[in-house]
Protein backbone atom coordinates (compact mmCIF):
# COMPACT_ATOMS: atom_id res chain seq x y z
CA MET A 1 3.03 17.19 -110.46
CA LYS A 2 0.76 19.97 -109.04
CA GLN A 3 3.86 22.15 -109.01
CA LEU A 4 4.39 22.05 -112.42
CA ARG A 5 2.82 24.99 -114.81
CA VAL A 6 1.45 24.07 -118.25
CA ALA A 7 1.08 26.67 -121.08
CA LEU A 8 -0.31 26.29 -123.86
CA LEU A 9 -0.29 28.09 -127.21
CA GLY A 10 -2.81 27.83 -129.79
CA GLY A 11 -6.79 27.39 -128.97
CA GLY A 12 -7.52 25.02 -131.83
CA SER A 13 -9.31 21.21 -131.28
CA TRP A 14 -6.08 19.50 -130.85
CA GLY A 15 -4.41 22.17 -128.40
CA THR A 16 -7.98 22.97 -126.69
CA THR A 17 -7.90 18.78 -126.03
CA VAL A 18 -4.31 18.49 -125.00
CA ALA A 19 -4.85 21.50 -122.00
CA SER A 20 -8.09 20.35 -121.10
CA LEU A 21 -5.82 16.70 -120.36
CA THR A 22 -3.21 18.56 -118.77
CA ALA A 23 -5.67 20.57 -116.46
CA ARG A 24 -6.07 17.15 -114.98
CA ASN A 25 -2.14 16.78 -113.86
CA CYS A 26 -1.24 20.91 -113.48
CA PRO A 27 -2.04 23.95 -113.36
CA THR A 28 -2.74 24.90 -117.00
CA THR A 29 -3.59 28.04 -119.13
CA LEU A 30 -4.20 27.88 -122.33
CA TRP A 31 -3.52 30.82 -124.95
CA ALA A 32 -5.49 32.11 -127.81
CA ARG A 33 -6.13 35.08 -130.03
CA ASP A 34 -10.05 35.04 -130.37
CA THR A 35 -11.30 36.60 -127.34
CA GLN A 36 -14.28 34.62 -127.82
CA THR A 37 -12.48 31.30 -127.74
CA VAL A 38 -11.00 32.61 -124.36
CA ASP A 39 -14.16 33.67 -122.81
CA ASP A 40 -16.23 30.46 -123.80
CA ILE A 41 -13.11 28.40 -122.32
CA ASN A 42 -13.38 30.68 -118.83
CA HIS A 43 -16.75 31.19 -118.11
CA HIS A 44 -18.45 28.04 -120.14
CA HIS A 45 -15.63 25.13 -120.01
CA ARG A 46 -16.29 25.15 -123.79
CA ASN A 47 -14.60 25.65 -127.18
CA GLU A 48 -17.76 26.13 -129.00
CA LYS A 49 -15.81 26.93 -132.23
CA TYR A 50 -13.43 23.89 -132.66
CA LEU A 51 -15.24 21.70 -130.03
CA ALA A 52 -19.02 21.69 -130.22
CA GLY A 53 -20.91 20.12 -127.59
CA VAL A 54 -17.85 18.80 -125.55
CA THR A 55 -17.45 19.99 -121.96
CA LEU A 56 -13.49 20.64 -121.06
CA HIS A 57 -12.02 20.29 -117.36
CA GLU A 58 -13.31 22.85 -115.13
CA SER A 59 -9.71 24.06 -114.12
CA LEU A 60 -8.47 25.10 -117.43
CA ARG A 61 -8.11 28.62 -117.72
CA ALA A 62 -7.32 30.85 -121.03
CA SER A 63 -6.03 34.39 -121.77
CA ILE A 64 -5.22 36.57 -124.84
CA SER A 65 -2.00 37.69 -123.59
CA LEU A 66 1.11 35.39 -123.93
CA GLN A 67 3.22 37.14 -121.41
CA GLU A 68 0.16 36.07 -119.02
CA VAL A 69 0.21 32.49 -119.66
CA VAL A 70 3.96 32.24 -120.81
CA GLU A 71 6.34 34.31 -118.00
CA ASN A 72 5.91 31.47 -114.99
CA ALA A 73 5.58 28.19 -117.40
CA ASP A 74 7.90 25.23 -116.60
CA VAL A 75 6.45 23.69 -119.58
CA ILE A 76 5.56 25.39 -122.63
CA VAL A 77 3.07 22.93 -125.37
CA MET A 78 2.87 24.69 -129.00
CA GLY A 79 -0.48 23.79 -130.20
CA VAL A 80 -0.29 25.83 -133.11
CA PRO A 81 -0.55 25.61 -137.49
CA SER A 82 3.35 25.22 -138.38
CA HIS A 83 2.86 28.29 -141.35
CA SER A 84 2.17 30.26 -137.54
CA PHE A 85 4.65 28.54 -135.04
CA ARG A 86 8.05 30.24 -135.59
CA GLY A 87 5.63 33.51 -135.58
CA VAL A 88 4.16 32.98 -132.15
CA LEU A 89 7.25 31.37 -130.83
CA GLU A 90 9.04 34.42 -131.60
CA ASP A 91 6.14 36.39 -129.63
CA ALA A 92 6.65 34.63 -127.03
CA LYS A 93 10.58 34.10 -126.35
CA PRO A 94 10.60 36.91 -124.48
CA PHE A 95 8.41 35.85 -121.57
CA ILE A 96 9.75 32.39 -121.81
CA ARG A 97 12.36 31.15 -118.70
CA PRO A 98 15.41 29.71 -119.28
CA TRP A 99 15.39 25.84 -119.41
CA VAL A 100 11.95 25.18 -119.69
CA PRO A 101 11.09 22.51 -122.31
CA ILE A 102 8.64 22.90 -125.47
CA VAL A 103 6.95 20.20 -126.78
CA SER A 104 5.41 20.53 -129.80
CA LEU A 105 1.76 19.30 -131.32
CA THR A 106 2.14 20.51 -135.10
CA LYS A 107 2.02 17.73 -137.65
CA GLY A 108 3.70 19.24 -140.51
CA LEU A 109 6.73 20.92 -141.73
CA GLU A 110 8.10 24.68 -141.74
CA GLN A 111 7.34 25.55 -145.46
CA SER A 112 10.22 27.69 -146.26
CA THR A 113 13.22 26.21 -144.59
CA HIS A 114 11.67 22.56 -144.76
CA LEU A 115 12.41 22.33 -141.09
CA ARG A 116 10.41 19.89 -138.25
CA MET A 117 9.03 21.85 -135.27
CA THR A 118 11.97 20.88 -132.63
CA GLU A 119 14.33 22.16 -135.10
CA VAL A 120 12.79 25.58 -135.48
CA ILE A 121 12.37 25.14 -131.50
CA ALA A 122 15.98 24.42 -131.43
CA ALA A 123 17.23 27.33 -133.74
CA MET A 124 15.22 29.97 -131.98
CA LEU A 125 15.21 28.87 -128.64
CA PRO A 126 19.08 26.75 -127.99
CA GLY A 127 19.42 25.38 -124.59
CA HIS A 128 15.59 24.20 -124.41
CA PRO A 129 14.48 20.76 -124.62
CA ALA A 130 12.43 20.02 -127.21
CA GLY A 131 10.16 17.35 -127.88
CA VAL A 132 6.86 16.13 -130.12
CA LEU A 133 3.48 14.77 -128.56
CA THR A 134 1.85 12.84 -131.65
CA GLY A 135 0.14 9.69 -132.25
CA PRO A 136 -3.31 8.24 -133.28
CA ASN A 137 -5.11 11.11 -131.91
CA LEU A 138 -8.35 12.62 -132.83
CA ALA A 139 -9.64 15.44 -130.37
CA MET A 140 -13.01 14.87 -130.06
CA GLU A 141 -12.89 11.07 -129.45
CA ILE A 142 -10.36 11.78 -126.70
CA LEU A 143 -12.79 14.71 -125.01
CA LYS A 144 -15.40 12.43 -125.21
CA GLY A 145 -13.40 9.77 -122.88
CA GLN A 146 -12.81 7.08 -125.20
CA ALA A 147 -9.54 5.23 -125.32
CA ALA A 148 -5.94 6.48 -127.11
CA ALA A 149 -2.51 6.64 -127.13
CA GLY A 150 -0.11 8.94 -128.01
CA VAL A 151 3.87 9.22 -128.11
CA ILE A 152 6.10 11.84 -126.33
CA ALA A 153 9.24 12.00 -127.82
CA MET A 154 12.17 13.61 -126.59
CA VAL A 155 16.06 13.06 -126.65
CA ASP A 156 16.43 13.04 -122.86
CA GLU A 157 14.48 10.00 -121.19
CA THR A 158 14.76 11.84 -118.09
CA ILE A 159 12.08 15.15 -119.21
CA ALA A 160 10.21 12.90 -120.73
CA HIS A 161 9.38 10.68 -118.17
CA SER A 162 8.18 13.81 -116.01
CA LEU A 163 6.38 15.16 -119.52
CA GLN A 164 4.74 11.68 -119.88
CA ASN A 165 3.17 11.95 -116.17
CA VAL A 166 2.11 15.63 -117.62
CA PHE A 167 -0.01 14.45 -120.59
CA ARG A 168 -1.41 11.19 -119.62
CA SER A 169 -4.44 11.10 -118.33
CA GLY A 170 -7.54 8.88 -117.42
CA LEU A 171 -8.03 6.57 -121.00
CA PHE A 172 -5.05 8.36 -122.41
CA ARG A 173 -1.92 6.63 -122.53
CA VAL A 174 1.50 8.08 -123.25
CA TYR A 175 4.28 6.54 -124.34
CA ILE A 176 7.75 7.23 -124.90
CA ASN A 177 10.19 7.43 -127.39
CA HIS A 178 13.69 8.84 -128.36
CA ASP A 179 13.44 9.11 -131.43
CA VAL A 180 12.26 12.49 -131.87
CA ILE A 181 12.69 12.79 -136.21
CA GLY A 182 11.14 9.52 -136.68
CA CYS A 183 7.67 10.84 -134.58
CA GLU A 184 7.82 14.11 -135.80
CA LEU A 185 7.89 12.74 -139.57
CA GLY A 186 5.76 10.49 -138.97
CA GLY A 187 3.14 12.63 -138.04
CA ALA A 188 3.57 15.30 -140.29
CA LEU A 189 3.91 12.69 -143.56
CA LYS A 190 0.82 10.87 -142.83
CA ASN A 191 -1.27 13.98 -143.85
CA VAL A 192 -0.17 14.01 -147.40
CA ILE A 193 -1.13 9.85 -147.38
CA ALA A 194 -4.27 10.94 -145.39
CA ILE A 195 -5.00 13.07 -148.82
CA ALA A 196 -4.77 10.17 -151.33
CA ALA A 197 -6.61 8.00 -149.39
CA GLY A 198 -9.42 10.47 -149.33
CA MET A 199 -9.53 11.13 -152.79
CA GLY A 200 -10.33 7.22 -153.20
CA ASP A 201 -13.08 7.48 -150.85
CA GLY A 202 -14.59 10.91 -152.51
CA ALA A 203 -14.29 8.69 -155.88
CA GLY A 204 -15.98 5.22 -154.72
CA ALA A 205 -12.84 3.75 -154.99
CA GLY A 206 -13.81 1.12 -152.42
CA ASP A 207 -11.93 -0.43 -149.54
CA ASN A 208 -9.17 -2.53 -151.52
CA THR A 209 -8.10 0.50 -153.11
CA ARG A 210 -7.88 2.31 -149.37
CA SER A 211 -6.00 -0.05 -147.93
CA ALA A 212 -3.45 -0.62 -150.53
CA VAL A 213 -2.98 3.00 -150.44
CA ILE A 214 -2.41 3.00 -146.87
CA THR A 215 -0.18 0.16 -147.06
CA ARG A 216 2.20 1.79 -150.03
CA GLY A 217 1.69 5.17 -148.10
CA LEU A 218 3.35 3.77 -144.87
CA ALA A 219 6.28 2.46 -147.35
CA GLU A 220 6.64 6.13 -148.54
CA LEU A 221 6.63 8.00 -145.90
CA THR A 222 8.86 5.26 -144.03
CA ARG A 223 11.26 5.00 -146.63
CA LEU A 224 11.54 9.03 -146.39
CA GLY A 225 11.55 9.29 -142.44
CA VAL A 226 14.71 6.71 -142.62
CA ALA A 227 16.52 9.10 -144.92
CA MET A 228 16.22 11.64 -143.05
CA GLY A 229 17.55 10.52 -139.59
CA GLY A 230 14.30 8.49 -138.55
CA HIS A 231 14.46 4.91 -136.84
CA PRO A 232 12.25 2.18 -138.86
CA ALA A 233 10.95 0.62 -135.88
CA THR A 234 9.38 4.21 -135.38
CA PHE A 235 7.10 4.00 -138.48
CA SER A 236 5.52 0.92 -137.26
CA GLY A 237 4.01 2.15 -134.03
CA LEU A 238 1.96 4.62 -132.75
CA ALA A 239 4.15 8.13 -134.32
CA GLY A 240 3.79 6.12 -137.88
CA MET A 241 1.37 3.21 -138.99
CA GLY A 242 -1.14 3.71 -135.85
CA ASP A 243 -1.12 8.01 -136.43
CA LEU A 244 -1.40 6.78 -140.22
CA ILE A 245 -4.33 4.40 -140.19
CA ALA A 246 -6.62 7.08 -137.88
CA THR A 247 -6.13 9.89 -140.11
CA CYS A 248 -6.88 8.03 -143.55
CA ILE A 249 -10.04 6.13 -142.03
CA SER A 250 -11.59 8.57 -139.39
CA PRO A 251 -14.54 10.47 -140.78
CA LEU A 252 -13.32 13.44 -138.11
CA SER A 253 -10.00 13.89 -139.89
CA ARG A 254 -9.56 16.71 -141.85
CA ASN A 255 -6.82 16.11 -144.59
CA ARG A 256 -9.00 13.11 -145.27
CA TYR A 257 -12.01 15.16 -145.42
CA VAL A 258 -9.80 17.45 -147.99
CA GLY A 259 -9.35 14.43 -150.28
CA ILE A 260 -13.15 13.23 -149.93
CA GLN A 261 -13.87 16.21 -151.56
CA LEU A 262 -11.51 16.30 -154.48
CA GLY A 263 -12.42 13.36 -155.37
CA LYS A 264 -16.09 14.69 -155.66
CA GLY A 265 -14.80 16.95 -158.16
CA ARG A 266 -14.46 20.57 -156.03
CA SER A 267 -11.57 22.51 -156.49
CA LEU A 268 -9.35 22.66 -153.14
CA GLU A 269 -9.99 26.88 -153.41
CA ASP A 270 -13.42 25.96 -152.24
CA ILE A 271 -12.89 23.32 -149.98
CA ILE A 272 -10.21 25.22 -147.91
CA SER A 273 -12.51 28.50 -147.78
CA GLU A 274 -15.12 26.71 -145.83
CA MET A 275 -12.92 24.88 -143.41
CA SER A 276 -12.99 26.42 -139.83
CA MET A 277 -9.16 24.32 -138.99
CA VAL A 278 -6.19 23.80 -140.75
CA ALA A 279 -5.69 20.74 -142.91
CA GLU A 280 -1.83 20.72 -142.33
CA GLY A 281 -1.26 17.93 -145.40
CA VAL A 282 -2.34 20.54 -148.05
CA LYS A 283 0.72 22.62 -147.26
CA THR A 284 3.62 19.50 -146.13
CA THR A 285 2.54 17.99 -149.51
CA LYS A 286 5.12 20.51 -151.66
CA VAL A 287 7.27 20.06 -148.67
CA VAL A 288 7.60 16.09 -148.80
CA ILE A 289 8.14 16.33 -152.39
CA GLU A 290 11.18 18.52 -152.09
CA LEU A 291 12.78 16.94 -149.73
CA ALA A 292 11.87 13.27 -151.74
CA HIS A 293 13.93 14.83 -154.51
CA LYS A 294 16.81 15.84 -152.05
CA HIS A 295 17.02 11.95 -150.54
CA GLY A 296 16.36 10.53 -153.57
CA VAL A 297 13.42 8.79 -152.05
CA GLU A 298 10.43 7.77 -154.45
CA MET A 299 7.11 8.73 -153.55
CA PRO A 300 4.56 7.87 -156.21
CA ILE A 301 1.47 8.86 -154.00
CA ALA A 302 2.74 11.98 -152.51
CA GLN A 303 3.37 12.76 -156.25
CA GLU A 304 0.31 12.02 -157.51
CA VAL A 305 -1.46 14.24 -154.76
CA TYR A 306 0.74 17.00 -155.11
CA LYS A 307 -0.17 16.96 -158.65
CA VAL A 308 -4.19 16.96 -158.21
CA LEU A 309 -3.26 19.93 -155.44
CA TYR A 310 -0.78 22.08 -157.75
CA GLU A 311 -0.49 21.09 -160.60
CA GLY A 312 -4.14 20.34 -161.96
CA SER A 313 -4.64 16.75 -162.07
CA THR A 314 -7.81 15.08 -161.90
CA VAL A 315 -8.08 12.31 -158.69
CA GLN A 316 -9.10 10.11 -161.61
CA GLU A 317 -5.80 10.80 -163.56
CA ALA A 318 -3.79 10.23 -159.94
CA PHE A 319 -5.08 7.00 -159.82
CA ARG A 320 -4.16 6.01 -163.16
CA GLY A 321 -0.63 7.34 -162.42
CA LEU A 322 -0.01 4.82 -159.71
CA LEU A 323 -1.55 1.91 -161.70
CA GLY A 324 1.14 3.01 -164.16
CA SER A 325 3.86 3.17 -162.48
CA LYS A 326 6.57 -0.18 -161.70
CA SER A 327 5.72 -1.99 -158.94
CA GLY A 328 8.59 -4.04 -157.34
CA LYS A 329 8.84 -6.39 -154.48
CA GLU A 330 6.86 -5.52 -151.87
CA ALA A 331 9.96 -5.76 -149.36
CA ASP A 332 12.08 -3.82 -151.49
CA PRO A 333 12.85 -0.64 -150.30
CA GLY A 334 11.30 1.47 -153.60
């Protein structure tokens, strides 16, 4: 285990958290563009920009040089947002050794192509095993030592078992799943539902509304996920229901925060301008609606979120739209 060298690309909250976890098991180096973040990690074992007040593992190192971080790595972990994923991977590509596994932490979809991040990896670096680490994983709670669980999903189970030992640490348990499609889609699609849940919270809708949004939201993301090739059982597990619940109810959730502020009547532009971290659900909503149309899947909650984000609809109009939509049998696919 000590011989595996991990390269973590991305200095945000979740990327830094995972790097701190893997540093307990393997030599780990984090790449970040921000020299202040790199210096903070190397000299103070902190990332005050994104994880204020929390101490990182003392063996974690950081660098602004992609080549230095990547060229000797045995595992590459991508902790950058979906909109910069391809660009960072392209820059790192010349320095990645053959057959090195690449694991995505990104819970989003590429806007221009509708591709999942593992599909981007496969297109750019064919032959490299690609997987995803996902689940109900709020960075600050994990760094504070609170119990949590995640899922490593890869087609090759042997590699997945090896990576399981790289990521699990202390009270952070890691399970294995072969359904890469379902696990990856669960992580991306739940962010859209979290915005809806936050909208209700911001508008003072109450716990009954939140419960209904989460439950029916799970039905929506499951329908689309299965239509795109995911396994139904995946969406009732950590990568689906687990991640959805955490993101919809936690005050640490960025996507829920966006929804709350929308529910209070603020504009999307103002909300995004004040945030230092990316809320993937904002951009993912566009892709989700396009995919739903492509696969013939009804997603009324996602549709109303889209109208609020991009068509000038109000939160009140969105909930009136949901109340006016047809209610079928709960167990029906529609």
